[in-house]
Structures are given as structure tokens and as C-alpha cells.
C-alpha atoms as a PDB file:
ATOM      1  CA  UNK A   1       0.141   0.204  -0.137  1.00  0.00           C
ATOM      2  CA  UNK A   2       2.735   2.703   0.628  1.00  0.00           C
ATOM      3  CA  UNK A   3       3.831   1.745  -3.185  1.00  0.00           C
ATOM      4  CA  UNK A   4       0.854   2.695  -4.192  1.00  0.00           C
ATOM      5  CA  UNK A   5       0.251   6.078  -2.005  1.00  0.00           C
ATOM      6  CA  UNK A   6       3.675   7.373  -3.006  1.00  0.00           C
ATOM      7  CA  UNK A   7       4.133  10.473  -5.705  1.00  0.00           C
ATOM      8  CA  UNK A   8       6.740   8.461  -7.119  1.00  0.00           C
ATOM      9  CA  UNK A   9       6.127   5.278  -7.312  1.00  0.00           C
ATOM     10  CA  UNK A  10       2.996   3.401  -9.771  1.00  0.00           C
ATOM     11  CA  UNK A  11       1.401  -0.034  -9.858  1.00  0.00           C
ATOM     12  CA  UNK A  12      -0.014  -1.451 -12.956  1.00  0.00           C
ATOM     13  CA  UNK A  13      -2.708  -4.049 -12.629  1.00  0.00           C
ATOM     14  CA  UNK A  14      -4.555  -5.334 -15.891  1.00  0.00           C
ATOM     15  CA  UNK A  15      -6.440  -8.627 -16.470  1.00  0.00           C
ATOM     16  CA  UNK A  16      -7.853  -9.885 -19.750  1.00  0.00           C
ATOM     17  CA  UNK A  17      -9.559  -6.999 -20.848  1.00  0.00           C
ATOM     18  CA  UNK A  18      -8.667  -4.691 -17.808  1.00  0.00           C
ATOM     19  CA  UNK A  19     -12.224  -3.858 -17.098  1.00  0.00           C
ATOM     20  CA  UNK A  20     -14.205  -6.524 -14.664  1.00  0.00           C
ATOM     21  CA  UNK A  21     -11.304  -7.782 -12.151  1.00  0.00           C
ATOM     22  CA  UNK A  22      -8.983  -4.592 -12.732  1.00  0.00           C
ATOM     23  CA  UNK A  23     -11.677  -2.677 -11.352  1.00  0.00           C
ATOM     24  CA  UNK A  24     -12.381  -4.264  -8.457  1.00  0.00           C
ATOM     25  CA  UNK A  25      -8.837  -4.858  -7.437  1.00  0.00           C
ATOM     26  CA  UNK A  26      -8.436  -0.692  -8.719  1.00  0.00           C
ATOM     27  CA  UNK A  27     -11.711   0.558  -6.196  1.00  0.00           C
ATOM     28  CA  UNK A  28     -10.436  -1.508  -3.496  1.00  0.00           C
ATOM     29  CA  UNK A  29      -7.156  -0.444  -3.619  1.00  0.00           C
ATOM     30  CA  UNK A  30      -8.422   3.169  -3.718  1.00  0.00           C
ATOM     31  CA  UNK A  31     -11.452   3.153  -0.775  1.00  0.00           C
ATOM     32  CA  UNK A  32      -8.036   1.850   1.261  1.00  0.00           C
ATOM     33  CA  UNK A  33      -5.808   4.562   0.380  1.00  0.00           C
ATOM     34  CA  UNK A  34      -8.319   7.111   1.322  1.00  0.00           C
ATOM     35  CA  UNK A  35     -10.847   7.558  -1.577  1.00  0.00           C
ATOM     36  CA  UNK A  36     -14.258   8.207   1.625  1.00  0.00           C
ATOM     37  CA  UNK A  37     -16.914   7.236  -0.852  1.00  0.00           C
ATOM     38  CA  UNK A  38     -17.207   5.223  -3.300  1.00  0.00           C
ATOM     39  CA  UNK A  39     -17.965   8.412  -5.550  1.00  0.00           C
ATOM     40  CA  UNK A  40     -14.078   9.433  -4.923  1.00  0.00           C
ATOM     41  CA  UNK A  41     -13.057   6.199  -6.055  1.00  0.00           C
ATOM     42  CA  UNK A  42     -14.697   6.108  -8.670  1.00  0.00           C
ATOM     43  CA  UNK A  43     -13.730   9.713 -10.174  1.00  0.00           C
ATOM     44  CA  UNK A  44     -10.308   8.181  -9.449  1.00  0.00           C
ATOM     45  CA  UNK A  45     -10.879   4.503 -11.610  1.00  0.00           C
ATOM     46  CA  UNK A  46     -12.610   7.276 -14.068  1.00  0.00           C
ATOM     47  CA  UNK A  47      -8.988   9.424 -13.788  1.00  0.00           C
ATOM     48  CA  UNK A  48      -7.004   6.395 -14.700  1.00  0.00           C
ATOM     49  CA  UNK A  49      -8.427   4.585 -17.470  1.00  0.00           C
ATOM     50  CA  UNK A  50     -12.133   5.805 -19.217  1.00  0.00           C
ATOM     51  CA  UNK A  51     -12.498   2.398 -20.925  1.00  0.00           C
ATOM     52  CA  UNK A  52     -11.732   0.579 -16.589  1.00  0.00           C
ATOM     53  CA  UNK A  53     -14.566   3.152 -15.643  1.00  0.00           C
ATOM     54  CA  UNK A  54     -17.039   2.424 -18.473  1.00  0.00           C
ATOM     55  CA  UNK A  55     -16.622  -1.043 -17.914  1.00  0.00           C
ATOM     56  CA  UNK A  56     -16.323  -2.055 -14.127  1.00  0.00           C
ATOM     57  CA  UNK A  57     -20.575  -2.263 -13.678  1.00  0.00           C
ATOM     58  CA  UNK A  58     -22.186  -0.821 -10.544  1.00  0.00           C
ATOM     59  CA  UNK A  59     -22.579  -5.136  -9.582  1.00  0.00           C
ATOM     60  CA  UNK A  60     -19.011  -5.839  -9.446  1.00  0.00           C
ATOM     61  CA  UNK A  61     -18.362  -2.295  -7.089  1.00  0.00           C
ATOM     62  CA  UNK A  62     -21.648  -3.068  -4.810  1.00  0.00           C
ATOM     63  CA  UNK A  63     -19.686  -6.738  -4.838  1.00  0.00           C
ATOM     64  CA  UNK A  64     -16.409  -5.190  -3.248  1.00  0.00           C
ATOM     65  CA  UNK A  65     -18.880  -2.682  -1.229  1.00  0.00           C
ATOM     66  CA  UNK A  66     -20.683  -5.537   0.618  1.00  0.00           C
ATOM     67  CA  UNK A  67     -18.019  -8.596   1.032  1.00  0.00           C
ATOM     68  CA  UNK A  68     -14.581  -7.752  -0.372  1.00  0.00           C
ATOM     69  CA  UNK A  69     -14.112  -4.150   1.865  1.00  0.00           C
ATOM     70  CA  UNK A  70     -14.908  -5.874   4.590  1.00  0.00           C
ATOM     71  CA  UNK A  71     -13.638  -8.491   4.548  1.00  0.00           C
ATOM     72  CA  UNK A  72     -10.021  -7.743   3.806  1.00  0.00           C
ATOM     73  CA  UNK A  73     -10.667  -5.528   7.388  1.00  0.00           C
ATOM     74  CA  UNK A  74     -11.302  -8.281   8.691  1.00  0.00           C
ATOM     75  CA  UNK A  75      -8.173 -10.363   7.904  1.00  0.00           C
ATOM     76  CA  UNK A  76      -5.859  -6.839   8.129  1.00  0.00           C
ATOM     77  CA  UNK A  77      -6.793  -6.630  11.128  1.00  0.00           C
ATOM     78  CA  UNK A  78      -6.797  -9.882  12.918  1.00  0.00           C
ATOM     79  CA  UNK A  79      -3.689 -10.414  11.518  1.00  0.00           C
ATOM     80  CA  UNK A  80      -1.744  -6.518  11.540  1.00  0.00           C
ATOM     81  CA  UNK A  81       1.720  -7.697  12.465  1.00  0.00           C
ATOM     82  CA  UNK A  82       1.677 -10.736  10.259  1.00  0.00           C
ATOM     83  CA  UNK A  83       0.891  -8.224   6.773  1.00  0.00           C
ATOM     84  CA  UNK A  84       2.580  -5.260   7.313  1.00  0.00           C
ATOM     85  CA  UNK A  85       6.203  -6.947   7.664  1.00  0.00           C
ATOM     86  CA  UNK A  86       4.470  -8.853   4.011  1.00  0.00           C
ATOM     87  CA  UNK A  87       3.696  -5.828   2.725  1.00  0.00           C
ATOM     88  CA  UNK A  88       6.646  -3.919   4.105  1.00  0.00           C
ATOM     89  CA  UNK A  89       9.021  -7.265   2.562  1.00  0.00           C
ATOM     90  CA  UNK A  90       7.406  -7.443  -0.650  1.00  0.00           C
ATOM     91  CA  UNK A  91       7.293  -3.531  -0.863  1.00  0.00           C
ATOM     92  CA  UNK A  92      11.422  -2.962  -1.040  1.00  0.00           C
ATOM     93  CA  UNK A  93      11.725  -6.480  -3.313  1.00  0.00           C
ATOM     94  CA  UNK A  94       9.992  -5.129  -6.103  1.00  0.00           C
ATOM     95  CA  UNK A  95      11.622  -2.079  -7.689  1.00  0.00           C
ATOM     96  CA  UNK A  96      10.627  -0.653 -10.901  1.00  0.00           C
ATOM     97  CA  UNK A  97      13.273  -2.321 -12.395  1.00  0.00           C
ATOM     98  CA  UNK A  98      10.988  -5.538 -12.196  1.00  0.00           C
ATOM     99  CA  UNK A  99       7.378  -3.569 -13.225  1.00  0.00           C
ATOM    100  CA  UNK A 100       9.403  -3.031 -16.240  1.00  0.00           C
ATOM    101  CA  UNK A 101      10.408  -6.394 -17.682  1.00  0.00           C
ATOM    102  CA  UNK A 102       6.878  -7.630 -17.609  1.00  0.00           C
END
């Protein structure tokens, strides 16, 4: 998450078409990253990629809000230290050069 909140780092998210799974994951990360409302997170997706914004559909965002976000919160709260350490290790290991190889 630290990578995504840094103004100097970028993350690449993509599935087969870059619409449905990408949209749901992007939405979820934006909501955890400080976009306090559904509308703000959707506006963030729209700014990043209009095609994803147009295709993600409300029912998928409803799924993220009603099931995915609460489940992730529970997981993070139950294992905060474990996840924090894992994310720190991942962000330390993954560099921009690694992403460029993809």
C-alpha cells in the first residue's frame, strides 16, 4: 500500500481486458488508499482509465463494498503485524525495474 500512496511510484494492474477484475481491485485499493467515498474512488478509476470506469459496472462495485472491503478489513485487523511485515518485504523487494520486465 505504501507503494501506491507514494507520488513517485506506480503500480500496474491488469487482467485479460482490464475492466472487471482490474476495476474491482483498483476500486478496493483506492478505497483503502484514502478515497473516502464510492464516488471519489470511481472518479479515481475514471481518471486512470476511462475504459475500466465504463466497464466495471455498479454490481461489481457493490460486491467490493459489501463483501470484499469488509472481509479485507477483518483479515487486516486479525493479522495486522503479519500483513504489515509482508507488505514491507514485498515493497522492498519489488522495484520499478521488476515491473518493466513484465
